[in-house]
N, C-alpha and C. Protein backbone atom coordinates (compact mmCIF):
# COMPACT_ATOMS: atom_id res chain seq x y z
N UNK A 1 0.84 -1.18 0.00
CA UNK A 1 0.00 0.00 0.00
C UNK A 1 0.89 1.25 0.00
N UNK A 2 0.63 2.17 -0.89
CA UNK A 2 1.40 3.41 -1.00
C UNK A 2 0.66 4.50 -0.24
N UNK A 3 1.39 5.22 0.60
CA UNK A 3 0.80 6.32 1.36
C UNK A 3 0.37 7.42 0.40
N UNK A 4 -0.78 8.03 0.70
CA UNK A 4 -1.27 9.11 -0.16
C UNK A 4 -0.45 10.38 0.00
N UNK A 5 0.09 10.58 1.18
CA UNK A 5 0.91 11.76 1.44
C UNK A 5 2.36 11.31 1.50
N UNK A 6 3.17 11.88 0.65
CA UNK A 6 4.59 11.54 0.62
C UNK A 6 5.35 12.57 1.47
N UNK A 7 6.06 12.10 2.47
CA UNK A 7 6.83 12.98 3.34
C UNK A 7 8.25 13.08 2.81
N UNK A 8 8.75 14.31 2.58
CA UNK A 8 10.14 14.44 2.14
C UNK A 8 11.09 13.87 3.19
N UNK A 9 12.17 13.22 2.71
CA UNK A 9 13.21 12.77 3.64
C UNK A 9 13.90 14.01 4.21
N UNK A 10 14.62 13.84 5.30
CA UNK A 10 15.29 14.95 5.96
C UNK A 10 16.18 15.72 5.00
N UNK A 11 16.95 15.02 4.17
CA UNK A 11 17.85 15.71 3.24
C UNK A 11 17.05 16.52 2.22
N UNK A 12 15.87 16.02 1.79
CA UNK A 12 15.03 16.76 0.87
C UNK A 12 14.46 18.00 1.53
N UNK A 13 14.14 17.92 2.82
CA UNK A 13 13.62 19.06 3.56
C UNK A 13 14.66 20.18 3.58
N UNK A 14 15.92 19.82 3.86
CA UNK A 14 16.99 20.83 3.89
C UNK A 14 17.16 21.47 2.51
N UNK A 15 17.11 20.67 1.46
CA UNK A 15 17.22 21.20 0.11
C UNK A 15 16.05 22.14 -0.18
N UNK A 16 14.85 21.72 0.20
CA UNK A 16 13.66 22.52 -0.03
C UNK A 16 13.77 23.85 0.70
N UNK A 17 14.24 23.79 1.93
CA UNK A 17 14.41 24.99 2.74
C UNK A 17 15.38 25.96 2.06
N UNK A 18 16.49 25.45 1.56
CA UNK A 18 17.47 26.30 0.87
C UNK A 18 16.92 26.86 -0.43
N UNK A 19 16.18 26.05 -1.17
CA UNK A 19 15.67 26.46 -2.47
C UNK A 19 14.63 27.57 -2.35
N UNK A 20 13.85 27.59 -1.30
CA UNK A 20 12.77 28.56 -1.13
C UNK A 20 13.18 29.75 -0.26
N UNK A 21 14.42 29.87 0.08
CA UNK A 21 14.88 30.88 1.03
C UNK A 21 14.44 32.30 0.67
N UNK A 22 14.53 32.69 -0.60
CA UNK A 22 14.23 34.06 -1.00
C UNK A 22 12.83 34.53 -0.67
N UNK A 23 11.84 33.69 -0.85
CA UNK A 23 10.45 34.06 -0.61
C UNK A 23 9.75 32.96 0.18
N UNK A 24 10.46 32.38 1.11
CA UNK A 24 9.96 31.21 1.83
C UNK A 24 8.75 31.55 2.70
N UNK A 25 7.82 30.63 2.72
CA UNK A 25 6.69 30.70 3.64
C UNK A 25 6.41 29.28 4.10
N UNK A 26 6.71 29.02 5.36
CA UNK A 26 6.48 27.71 5.94
C UNK A 26 5.44 27.83 7.05
N UNK A 27 4.78 26.73 7.33
CA UNK A 27 3.81 26.68 8.41
C UNK A 27 4.17 25.51 9.31
N UNK A 28 4.33 25.78 10.60
CA UNK A 28 4.69 24.76 11.58
C UNK A 28 3.47 24.50 12.47
N UNK A 29 3.05 23.25 12.53
CA UNK A 29 1.90 22.88 13.35
C UNK A 29 2.36 22.11 14.57
N UNK A 30 2.11 22.68 15.75
CA UNK A 30 2.56 22.09 17.01
C UNK A 30 1.37 21.58 17.82
N UNK A 31 1.22 20.27 17.87
CA UNK A 31 0.21 19.66 18.73
C UNK A 31 -1.22 19.75 18.23
N UNK A 32 -1.41 20.01 16.96
CA UNK A 32 -2.77 20.08 16.42
C UNK A 32 -3.22 18.66 16.07
N UNK A 33 -4.23 18.18 16.77
CA UNK A 33 -4.63 16.79 16.63
C UNK A 33 -5.93 16.58 15.85
N UNK A 34 -6.75 17.61 15.73
CA UNK A 34 -8.02 17.47 15.02
C UNK A 34 -7.76 17.45 13.52
N UNK A 35 -8.05 16.35 12.88
CA UNK A 35 -7.73 16.21 11.45
C UNK A 35 -8.54 17.16 10.58
N UNK A 36 -9.72 17.56 11.04
CA UNK A 36 -10.50 18.53 10.27
C UNK A 36 -9.81 19.89 10.30
N UNK A 37 -9.24 20.25 11.43
CA UNK A 37 -8.46 21.49 11.48
C UNK A 37 -7.23 21.40 10.58
N UNK A 38 -6.55 20.27 10.64
CA UNK A 38 -5.35 20.10 9.80
C UNK A 38 -5.72 20.18 8.33
N UNK A 39 -6.82 19.54 7.95
CA UNK A 39 -7.26 19.60 6.56
C UNK A 39 -7.60 21.01 6.12
N UNK A 40 -8.34 21.74 6.95
CA UNK A 40 -8.68 23.13 6.64
C UNK A 40 -7.45 24.01 6.56
N UNK A 41 -6.52 23.80 7.47
CA UNK A 41 -5.27 24.56 7.48
C UNK A 41 -4.48 24.29 6.20
N UNK A 42 -4.38 23.03 5.80
CA UNK A 42 -3.63 22.67 4.60
C UNK A 42 -4.25 23.31 3.36
N UNK A 43 -5.56 23.30 3.29
CA UNK A 43 -6.24 23.90 2.13
C UNK A 43 -5.95 25.39 2.05
N UNK A 44 -6.06 26.09 3.16
CA UNK A 44 -5.76 27.53 3.19
C UNK A 44 -4.29 27.78 2.90
N UNK A 45 -3.41 26.96 3.47
CA UNK A 45 -1.97 27.12 3.25
C UNK A 45 -1.63 27.01 1.77
N UNK A 46 -2.19 26.01 1.11
CA UNK A 46 -1.95 25.83 -0.32
C UNK A 46 -2.46 27.04 -1.11
N UNK A 47 -3.65 27.51 -0.78
CA UNK A 47 -4.25 28.65 -1.49
C UNK A 47 -3.48 29.96 -1.26
N UNK A 48 -2.79 30.05 -0.14
CA UNK A 48 -2.06 31.28 0.21
C UNK A 48 -0.58 31.22 -0.14
N UNK A 49 -0.13 30.14 -0.78
CA UNK A 49 1.25 30.08 -1.26
C UNK A 49 2.28 29.59 -0.26
N UNK A 50 1.84 28.90 0.78
CA UNK A 50 2.80 28.30 1.72
C UNK A 50 3.58 27.22 0.98
N UNK A 51 4.90 27.20 1.18
CA UNK A 51 5.75 26.25 0.45
C UNK A 51 5.78 24.86 1.06
N UNK A 52 5.59 24.78 2.39
CA UNK A 52 5.59 23.47 3.04
C UNK A 52 4.99 23.61 4.43
N UNK A 53 4.38 22.52 4.90
CA UNK A 53 3.88 22.43 6.26
C UNK A 53 4.84 21.51 7.00
N UNK A 54 5.25 21.93 8.19
CA UNK A 54 6.18 21.15 9.01
C UNK A 54 5.41 20.65 10.23
N UNK A 55 5.45 19.33 10.43
CA UNK A 55 4.75 18.73 11.56
C UNK A 55 5.71 17.80 12.30
N UNK A 56 5.44 17.55 13.59
CA UNK A 56 6.28 16.59 14.34
C UNK A 56 5.89 15.15 14.02
N UNK A 57 6.83 14.23 14.26
CA UNK A 57 6.54 12.81 14.10
C UNK A 57 5.39 12.35 14.99
N UNK A 58 5.33 12.92 16.19
CA UNK A 58 4.33 12.51 17.17
C UNK A 58 3.56 13.73 17.66
N UNK A 59 2.34 13.49 18.12
CA UNK A 59 1.55 14.57 18.72
C UNK A 59 0.78 15.40 17.71
N UNK A 60 0.53 14.84 16.54
CA UNK A 60 -0.25 15.54 15.52
C UNK A 60 -1.28 14.55 14.98
N UNK A 61 -2.41 15.08 14.52
CA UNK A 61 -3.46 14.21 13.98
C UNK A 61 -2.98 13.43 12.78
N UNK A 62 -3.57 12.27 12.57
CA UNK A 62 -3.21 11.41 11.44
C UNK A 62 -3.62 12.06 10.13
N UNK A 63 -2.72 12.07 9.18
CA UNK A 63 -3.03 12.62 7.87
C UNK A 63 -3.61 11.50 7.01
N UNK A 64 -4.84 11.18 7.31
CA UNK A 64 -5.52 10.05 6.68
C UNK A 64 -6.50 10.55 5.60
N UNK A 65 -7.34 9.63 5.12
CA UNK A 65 -8.31 9.98 4.08
C UNK A 65 -9.24 11.12 4.50
N UNK A 66 -9.65 11.13 5.76
CA UNK A 66 -10.53 12.21 6.24
C UNK A 66 -9.82 13.56 6.20
N UNK A 67 -8.55 13.59 6.58
CA UNK A 67 -7.78 14.83 6.53
C UNK A 67 -7.63 15.30 5.08
N UNK A 68 -7.36 14.37 4.19
CA UNK A 68 -7.21 14.72 2.76
C UNK A 68 -8.53 15.24 2.21
N UNK A 69 -9.63 14.59 2.57
CA UNK A 69 -10.95 15.03 2.12
C UNK A 69 -11.24 16.44 2.63
N UNK A 70 -11.00 16.68 3.91
CA UNK A 70 -11.24 18.00 4.48
C UNK A 70 -10.36 19.06 3.82
N UNK A 71 -9.17 18.66 3.40
CA UNK A 71 -8.26 19.61 2.75
C UNK A 71 -8.61 19.83 1.28
N UNK A 72 -9.63 19.14 0.78
CA UNK A 72 -10.02 19.18 -0.64
C UNK A 72 -8.84 18.76 -1.53
N UNK A 73 -8.00 17.86 -1.01
CA UNK A 73 -6.86 17.36 -1.78
C UNK A 73 -5.58 18.16 -1.61
N UNK A 74 -5.64 19.27 -0.89
CA UNK A 74 -4.44 20.12 -0.73
C UNK A 74 -3.30 19.37 -0.06
N UNK A 75 -3.61 18.43 0.84
CA UNK A 75 -2.55 17.67 1.51
C UNK A 75 -1.75 16.82 0.53
N UNK A 76 -2.31 16.56 -0.64
CA UNK A 76 -1.59 15.80 -1.66
C UNK A 76 -0.78 16.73 -2.57
N UNK A 77 -0.99 18.05 -2.45
CA UNK A 77 -0.31 19.01 -3.33
C UNK A 77 0.77 19.83 -2.62
N UNK A 78 0.65 20.00 -1.33
CA UNK A 78 1.62 20.80 -0.59
C UNK A 78 2.57 19.85 0.15
N UNK A 79 3.89 20.11 0.09
CA UNK A 79 4.80 19.25 0.84
C UNK A 79 4.53 19.30 2.34
N UNK A 80 4.50 18.14 2.96
CA UNK A 80 4.36 18.03 4.42
C UNK A 80 5.64 17.40 4.93
N UNK A 81 6.41 18.17 5.68
CA UNK A 81 7.69 17.69 6.20
C UNK A 81 7.48 17.21 7.63
N UNK A 82 7.68 15.93 7.84
CA UNK A 82 7.53 15.33 9.16
C UNK A 82 8.92 15.27 9.79
N UNK A 83 9.08 15.92 10.96
CA UNK A 83 10.39 16.01 11.60
C UNK A 83 10.34 15.38 12.99
N UNK A 84 11.49 14.91 13.45
CA UNK A 84 11.57 14.32 14.80
C UNK A 84 11.44 15.40 15.87
N UNK A 85 11.94 16.60 15.58
CA UNK A 85 11.94 17.66 16.58
C UNK A 85 11.61 19.00 15.93
N UNK A 86 10.54 19.63 16.40
CA UNK A 86 10.23 20.97 15.90
C UNK A 86 11.29 21.97 16.32
N UNK A 87 11.89 21.74 17.48
CA UNK A 87 12.97 22.62 17.95
C UNK A 87 14.14 22.60 16.96
N UNK A 88 14.53 21.42 16.52
CA UNK A 88 15.63 21.30 15.55
C UNK A 88 15.22 21.88 14.20
N UNK A 89 13.97 21.70 13.83
CA UNK A 89 13.49 22.28 12.57
C UNK A 89 13.58 23.81 12.61
N UNK A 90 13.20 24.40 13.75
CA UNK A 90 13.30 25.86 13.89
C UNK A 90 14.76 26.29 13.83
N UNK A 91 15.65 25.54 14.47
CA UNK A 91 17.08 25.85 14.39
C UNK A 91 17.54 25.84 12.93
N UNK A 92 17.11 24.84 12.17
CA UNK A 92 17.48 24.72 10.76
C UNK A 92 16.93 25.90 9.95
N UNK A 93 15.70 26.29 10.24
CA UNK A 93 15.11 27.45 9.56
C UNK A 93 15.91 28.71 9.88
N UNK A 94 16.27 28.89 11.14
CA UNK A 94 17.08 30.05 11.53
C UNK A 94 18.42 30.05 10.79
N UNK A 95 19.07 28.89 10.70
CA UNK A 95 20.35 28.79 10.00
C UNK A 95 20.23 29.14 8.52
N UNK A 96 19.03 29.00 7.98
CA UNK A 96 18.79 29.33 6.58
C UNK A 96 18.20 30.72 6.39
N UNK A 97 18.27 31.54 7.43
CA UNK A 97 17.83 32.93 7.32
C UNK A 97 16.33 33.12 7.32
N UNK A 98 15.60 32.19 7.88
CA UNK A 98 14.15 32.27 7.90
C UNK A 98 13.68 32.66 9.29
N UNK A 99 12.93 33.76 9.36
CA UNK A 99 12.39 34.23 10.63
C UNK A 99 11.25 33.32 11.04
N UNK A 100 11.20 32.98 12.33
CA UNK A 100 10.15 32.11 12.86
C UNK A 100 9.30 32.93 13.82
N UNK A 101 8.00 32.98 13.52
CA UNK A 101 7.07 33.78 14.31
C UNK A 101 5.97 32.87 14.86
N UNK A 102 5.38 33.28 15.98
CA UNK A 102 4.39 32.44 16.65
C UNK A 102 3.13 33.22 16.96
N UNK A 103 2.00 32.58 16.74
CA UNK A 103 0.72 33.14 17.11
C UNK A 103 0.48 32.85 18.59
N UNK A 104 0.29 33.92 19.37
CA UNK A 104 0.11 33.79 20.82
C UNK A 104 -0.91 34.83 21.26
N UNK A 105 -2.06 34.38 21.75
CA UNK A 105 -3.16 35.30 22.02
C UNK A 105 -2.89 36.32 23.11
N UNK A 106 -1.86 36.14 23.93
CA UNK A 106 -1.56 37.12 24.98
C UNK A 106 -0.47 38.11 24.56
N UNK A 107 0.02 38.00 23.35
CA UNK A 107 1.08 38.89 22.87
C UNK A 107 0.57 40.33 22.77
N UNK A 108 1.49 41.28 22.89
CA UNK A 108 1.14 42.69 22.73
C UNK A 108 1.10 43.09 21.26
N UNK A 109 1.93 42.45 20.44
CA UNK A 109 2.05 42.80 19.03
C UNK A 109 0.86 42.26 18.24
N UNK A 110 0.36 43.06 17.33
CA UNK A 110 -0.76 42.73 16.50
C UNK A 110 -0.27 42.05 15.20
N UNK A 111 -0.98 41.06 14.70
CA UNK A 111 -0.59 40.35 13.47
C UNK A 111 -0.41 41.32 12.31
N UNK A 112 -1.21 42.40 12.29
CA UNK A 112 -1.14 43.35 11.17
C UNK A 112 0.08 44.26 11.25
N UNK A 113 0.83 44.18 12.36
CA UNK A 113 2.07 44.95 12.52
C UNK A 113 3.31 44.11 12.23
N UNK A 114 3.13 42.86 11.84
CA UNK A 114 4.24 41.97 11.51
C UNK A 114 4.64 42.13 10.05
N UNK A 115 5.92 41.90 9.78
CA UNK A 115 6.42 41.93 8.40
C UNK A 115 6.49 40.50 7.88
N UNK A 116 5.55 40.15 7.03
CA UNK A 116 5.52 38.81 6.46
C UNK A 116 6.10 38.78 5.04
N UNK A 117 6.70 39.89 4.60
CA UNK A 117 7.29 39.93 3.25
C UNK A 117 8.61 39.17 3.19
N UNK A 118 9.28 39.08 4.33
CA UNK A 118 10.57 38.38 4.37
C UNK A 118 10.33 36.88 4.54
N UNK A 119 11.36 36.06 4.32
CA UNK A 119 11.21 34.61 4.52
C UNK A 119 10.74 34.32 5.95
N UNK A 120 9.68 33.52 6.07
CA UNK A 120 9.06 33.35 7.37
C UNK A 120 8.49 31.93 7.54
N UNK A 121 8.52 31.48 8.79
CA UNK A 121 7.83 30.26 9.20
C UNK A 121 6.90 30.66 10.33
N UNK A 122 5.64 30.29 10.20
CA UNK A 122 4.61 30.66 11.17
C UNK A 122 4.25 29.43 12.00
N UNK A 123 4.35 29.58 13.32
CA UNK A 123 4.05 28.47 14.23
C UNK A 123 2.64 28.63 14.77
N UNK A 124 1.86 27.55 14.65
CA UNK A 124 0.51 27.53 15.20
C UNK A 124 0.43 26.37 16.20
N UNK A 125 -0.15 26.66 17.36
CA UNK A 125 -0.28 25.64 18.39
C UNK A 125 -1.69 25.13 18.51
N UNK A 126 -1.86 24.14 19.34
CA UNK A 126 -3.19 23.55 19.53
C UNK A 126 -4.09 24.51 20.31
N UNK A 127 -5.38 24.33 20.13
CA UNK A 127 -6.34 25.17 20.84
C UNK A 127 -6.31 24.90 22.34
N UNK A 128 -5.98 23.67 22.73
CA UNK A 128 -5.99 23.30 24.14
C UNK A 128 -4.73 23.76 24.87
N UNK A 129 -3.56 23.52 24.27
CA UNK A 129 -2.29 23.75 24.97
C UNK A 129 -1.47 24.89 24.40
N UNK A 130 -1.82 25.39 23.23
CA UNK A 130 -1.02 26.43 22.61
C UNK A 130 0.29 25.85 22.08
N UNK A 131 1.29 26.68 21.98
CA UNK A 131 2.61 26.27 21.49
C UNK A 131 3.46 25.83 22.67
N UNK A 132 4.18 24.74 22.49
CA UNK A 132 5.09 24.23 23.51
C UNK A 132 6.00 25.37 23.99
N UNK A 133 6.09 25.63 25.30
CA UNK A 133 6.83 26.78 25.82
C UNK A 133 8.27 26.91 25.32
N UNK A 134 9.00 25.80 25.24
CA UNK A 134 10.39 25.88 24.76
C UNK A 134 10.44 26.28 23.30
N UNK A 135 9.47 25.84 22.51
CA UNK A 135 9.39 26.23 21.11
C UNK A 135 9.04 27.71 21.00
N UNK A 136 8.10 28.16 21.79
CA UNK A 136 7.72 29.57 21.80
C UNK A 136 8.93 30.45 22.12
N UNK A 137 9.75 29.99 23.04
CA UNK A 137 10.91 30.77 23.50
C UNK A 137 11.92 31.03 22.38
N UNK A 138 12.07 30.09 21.43
CA UNK A 138 13.08 30.28 20.39
C UNK A 138 12.52 30.96 19.13
N UNK A 139 11.23 31.32 19.17
CA UNK A 139 10.66 32.07 18.05
C UNK A 139 11.16 33.51 18.08
N UNK A 140 11.30 34.10 16.91
CA UNK A 140 11.81 35.46 16.80
C UNK A 140 10.80 36.51 17.22
N UNK A 141 9.54 36.26 16.95
CA UNK A 141 8.47 37.21 17.29
C UNK A 141 7.22 36.44 17.68
N UNK A 142 6.37 37.13 18.48
CA UNK A 142 5.07 36.61 18.82
C UNK A 142 4.06 37.69 18.48
N UNK A 143 2.88 37.27 18.08
CA UNK A 143 1.84 38.23 17.72
C UNK A 143 0.48 37.65 18.06
N UNK A 144 -0.52 38.53 18.08
CA UNK A 144 -1.89 38.09 18.35
C UNK A 144 -2.80 38.58 17.23
N UNK A 145 -3.94 37.96 17.12
CA UNK A 145 -5.00 38.42 16.23
C UNK A 145 -5.96 39.22 17.11
N UNK A 146 -6.16 40.50 16.79
CA UNK A 146 -7.06 41.29 17.63
C UNK A 146 -8.50 40.81 17.50
N UNK A 147 -9.22 40.85 18.60
CA UNK A 147 -10.62 40.43 18.60
C UNK A 147 -11.44 41.40 19.42
N UNK A 148 -12.67 41.60 19.00
CA UNK A 148 -13.61 42.35 19.84
C UNK A 148 -14.47 41.32 20.55
N UNK A 149 -15.17 41.75 21.54
CA UNK A 149 -15.99 40.80 22.27
C UNK A 149 -15.17 40.12 23.35
N UNK A 150 -15.83 39.32 24.12
CA UNK A 150 -15.20 38.67 25.27
C UNK A 150 -15.16 37.16 25.05
N UNK A 151 -14.33 36.75 24.08
CA UNK A 151 -14.21 35.33 23.78
C UNK A 151 -12.74 34.97 23.86
N UNK A 152 -12.43 33.79 24.37
CA UNK A 152 -11.04 33.44 24.66
C UNK A 152 -10.15 33.35 23.42
N UNK A 153 -10.62 32.64 22.38
CA UNK A 153 -9.75 32.46 21.22
C UNK A 153 -10.54 32.05 19.99
N UNK A 154 -9.86 32.06 18.87
CA UNK A 154 -10.43 31.59 17.60
C UNK A 154 -10.08 30.11 17.41
N UNK A 155 -10.82 29.45 16.57
CA UNK A 155 -10.47 28.10 16.13
C UNK A 155 -9.12 28.19 15.41
N UNK A 156 -8.25 27.19 15.60
CA UNK A 156 -6.90 27.24 15.05
C UNK A 156 -6.91 27.31 13.52
N UNK A 157 -7.85 26.67 12.88
CA UNK A 157 -7.94 26.73 11.43
C UNK A 157 -8.32 28.14 10.96
N UNK A 158 -9.26 28.75 11.66
CA UNK A 158 -9.68 30.11 11.33
C UNK A 158 -8.53 31.09 11.58
N UNK A 159 -7.87 30.96 12.73
CA UNK A 159 -6.75 31.84 13.06
C UNK A 159 -5.63 31.71 12.02
N UNK A 160 -5.33 30.48 11.62
CA UNK A 160 -4.30 30.27 10.61
C UNK A 160 -4.69 30.93 9.30
N UNK A 161 -5.96 30.83 8.93
CA UNK A 161 -6.44 31.47 7.71
C UNK A 161 -6.24 32.98 7.74
N UNK A 162 -6.56 33.60 8.85
CA UNK A 162 -6.38 35.05 8.98
C UNK A 162 -4.92 35.42 8.81
N UNK A 163 -4.04 34.69 9.47
CA UNK A 163 -2.60 34.98 9.42
C UNK A 163 -2.05 34.74 8.01
N UNK A 164 -2.44 33.65 7.37
CA UNK A 164 -1.92 33.37 6.04
C UNK A 164 -2.44 34.35 5.00
N UNK A 165 -3.68 34.80 5.14
CA UNK A 165 -4.18 35.80 4.21
C UNK A 165 -3.47 37.14 4.42
N UNK A 166 -3.13 37.48 5.66
CA UNK A 166 -2.34 38.70 5.90
C UNK A 166 -0.97 38.56 5.28
N UNK A 167 -0.37 37.38 5.39
CA UNK A 167 0.93 37.12 4.76
C UNK A 167 0.83 37.29 3.26
N UNK A 168 -0.17 36.69 2.65
CA UNK A 168 -0.36 36.80 1.20
C UNK A 168 -0.64 38.24 0.78
N UNK A 169 -1.47 38.94 1.53
CA UNK A 169 -1.79 40.34 1.23
C UNK A 169 -0.52 41.19 1.18
N UNK A 170 0.32 41.03 2.20
CA UNK A 170 1.56 41.80 2.24
C UNK A 170 2.48 41.46 1.07
N UNK A 171 2.56 40.21 0.71
CA UNK A 171 3.46 39.78 -0.36
C UNK A 171 2.94 40.20 -1.74
N UNK A 172 1.64 40.41 -1.86
CA UNK A 172 1.07 40.83 -3.14
C UNK A 172 1.11 42.34 -3.32
N UNK A 173 1.29 43.08 -2.23
CA UNK A 173 1.27 44.55 -2.29
C UNK A 173 2.49 45.11 -3.00
């Protein structure tokens, strides 16, 4: 049986990272387990020009038929890099001149004040636990999505969509 989603080998990931350095846009998913969220995120990522999605070997939802269906097939079109350590992946991105930013609802900085024109990797955490604290610590910037009303947070798929469309808007300007 051949897997529907082909994961680049580690050496291919490094090559891909180097090749896309000039206008790189990566998405890092930390602890997102709901496959419908992953599918929706992948679909939006593909539509917004993300070059690859980076996920950990463990602690992420299965990229199965349901995830592919929810992504409308985007998971079969966008590279998904499965890594042993997101911390090491961020180190590799930094070594390749890619800024790593994190969505954090308690941040003072607004998403619309971020510069997404430069090579960037955006970290999104789970709705339950957020981004792993050690991973958050090594990110270059943190930002929030402003909200009115008295609600704790947005769905991770919706939040990712807002951030990726802001990234695309800035790059198209």
